[in-house]
Amino acid sequence: MIAPFWDDLDPSQGGDVYVWNDDDGGRFVVQYQDVRRKHTDDTETFQVIFHHPEVHPTPTGDSKILFQYLEVSGTDSCTVGIEHPQQYDGIEYLYNGRYGASAAPLADSLAIL
């Protein structure tokens, strides 16, 4: 699971979700633009960028995943992190308002690679 901002986001109540496949740059971008959080007036704007490992190699051969936050309204109930497909391992950055030991607070203009 890829969780850049796991909360009750609801584009049907406002905002848009865009995708862009940048073949030349070796990236796939998913953008949440002014998407409303369910049962609130808060909106969130952020991107998830998946880097193709053949264009952007890493020592382990994995894909780099970049979370970019333009505007963050609330972090009291969201989760940020990644999880193994079999759900036995993951990296938890933020869970329900509690940050990991080395995590900077989620804020406007923050990026997490």
Protein backbone atom coordinates (compact mmCIF):
# COMPACT_ATOMS: atom_id res chain seq x y z
CA MET A 1 0.00 0.00 0.00
CA ILE A 2 1.16 3.51 -0.80
CA ALA A 3 -0.37 6.00 1.64
CA PRO A 4 0.64 9.61 0.96
CA PHE A 5 -2.39 10.91 2.88
CA TRP A 6 -4.65 8.07 3.96
CA ASP A 7 -7.81 9.68 5.26
CA ASP A 8 -11.37 10.14 4.08
CA LEU A 9 -10.59 12.20 0.97
CA ASP A 10 -13.61 12.70 -1.25
CA PRO A 11 -13.09 14.33 -4.67
CA SER A 12 -16.85 14.13 -5.31
CA GLN A 13 -17.24 16.86 -2.64
CA GLY A 14 -14.62 19.10 -4.21
CA GLY A 15 -11.26 19.00 -5.92
CA ASP A 16 -9.78 16.81 -8.61
CA VAL A 17 -7.37 13.92 -9.04
CA TYR A 18 -5.02 13.97 -12.04
CA VAL A 19 -2.57 11.43 -13.43
CA TRP A 20 0.32 11.98 -15.80
CA ASN A 21 2.67 9.42 -17.32
CA ASP A 22 5.96 11.18 -18.07
CA ASP A 23 7.61 8.61 -20.37
CA ASP A 24 10.60 10.83 -21.17
CA GLY A 25 11.27 11.60 -17.50
CA GLY A 26 10.56 8.06 -16.29
CA ARG A 27 7.86 9.17 -13.84
CA PHE A 28 4.20 8.49 -13.14
CA VAL A 29 2.48 11.31 -11.23
CA VAL A 30 -0.79 11.22 -9.29
CA GLN A 31 -1.96 14.63 -8.07
CA TYR A 32 -4.72 15.41 -5.58
CA GLN A 33 -5.72 19.04 -6.17
CA ASP A 34 -7.85 20.77 -3.50
CA VAL A 35 -9.52 17.45 -2.60
CA ARG A 36 -11.96 17.73 0.29
CA ARG A 37 -11.64 15.70 3.43
CA LYS A 38 -14.97 14.03 4.12
CA HIS A 39 -17.13 15.70 6.78
CA THR A 40 -14.89 18.82 6.87
CA ASP A 41 -14.20 21.93 4.83
CA ASP A 42 -10.47 21.08 4.74
CA THR A 43 -8.79 20.47 1.39
CA GLU A 44 -5.49 18.78 0.58
CA THR A 45 -3.16 19.26 -2.39
CA PHE A 46 -0.32 16.77 -2.85
CA GLN A 47 1.38 14.50 -5.37
CA VAL A 48 2.76 10.98 -5.43
CA ILE A 49 5.52 10.50 -7.98
CA PHE A 50 6.66 7.00 -8.91
CA HIS A 51 10.11 6.95 -10.54
CA HIS A 52 10.85 4.19 -13.06
CA PRO A 53 13.82 2.17 -11.73
CA GLU A 54 15.46 1.86 -15.16
CA VAL A 55 15.50 5.65 -15.58
CA HIS A 56 16.16 6.46 -11.89
CA PRO A 57 18.18 3.47 -10.62
CA THR A 58 18.68 2.73 -6.93
CA PRO A 59 21.20 0.38 -5.26
CA THR A 60 18.38 -2.10 -4.50
CA GLY A 61 16.62 -1.82 -7.88
CA ASP A 62 13.43 -0.51 -6.23
CA SER A 63 11.38 2.39 -7.50
CA LYS A 64 11.75 5.73 -5.74
CA ILE A 65 8.43 7.09 -4.48
CA LEU A 66 8.17 10.80 -3.76
CA PHE A 67 5.36 12.38 -1.72
CA GLN A 68 5.10 16.15 -2.29
CA TYR A 69 2.73 18.24 -0.19
CA LEU A 70 1.71 21.65 -1.49
CA GLU A 71 -1.07 22.41 0.99
CA VAL A 72 -1.81 20.38 4.13
CA SER A 73 -4.88 21.30 6.16
CA GLY A 74 -5.02 18.66 8.89
CA THR A 75 -3.04 15.68 10.05
CA ASP A 76 -4.97 14.65 13.16
CA SER A 77 -6.52 11.54 11.59
CA CYS A 78 -4.40 10.71 8.54
CA THR A 79 -1.77 8.04 7.97
CA VAL A 80 1.36 8.43 5.83
CA GLY A 81 3.61 5.53 4.89
CA ILE A 82 4.08 2.45 2.76
CA GLU A 83 3.32 -1.22 3.39
CA HIS A 84 4.49 -4.51 1.87
CA PRO A 85 1.83 -6.23 -0.30
CA GLN A 86 1.65 -9.14 2.19
CA GLN A 87 1.15 -6.57 5.00
CA TYR A 88 3.94 -7.88 7.22
CA ASP A 89 6.32 -4.95 6.82
CA GLY A 90 6.14 -1.24 6.18
CA ILE A 91 7.35 2.24 6.99
CA GLU A 92 5.04 4.33 9.12
CA TYR A 93 5.73 8.06 8.91
CA LEU A 94 2.54 9.31 10.55
CA TYR A 95 -0.37 7.42 12.08
CA ASN A 96 -3.51 9.11 13.38
CA GLY A 97 -1.67 12.23 14.53
CA ARG A 98 1.42 10.41 15.90
CA TYR A 99 4.70 10.81 14.04
CA GLY A 100 7.59 8.38 13.77
CA ALA A 101 10.64 9.19 15.90
CA SER A 102 12.56 10.96 13.11
CA ALA A 103 9.62 12.38 11.14
CA ALA A 104 9.25 16.09 10.45
CA PRO A 105 5.67 17.34 10.83
CA LEU A 106 3.56 17.15 7.69
CA ALA A 107 3.34 20.71 6.38
CA ASP A 108 2.96 22.83 3.27
CA SER A 109 5.87 22.35 0.82
CA LEU A 110 7.19 19.19 2.56
CA ALA A 111 8.58 16.38 0.39
CA ILE A 112 9.25 12.79 1.50
CA LEU A 113 11.30 10.44 -0.69
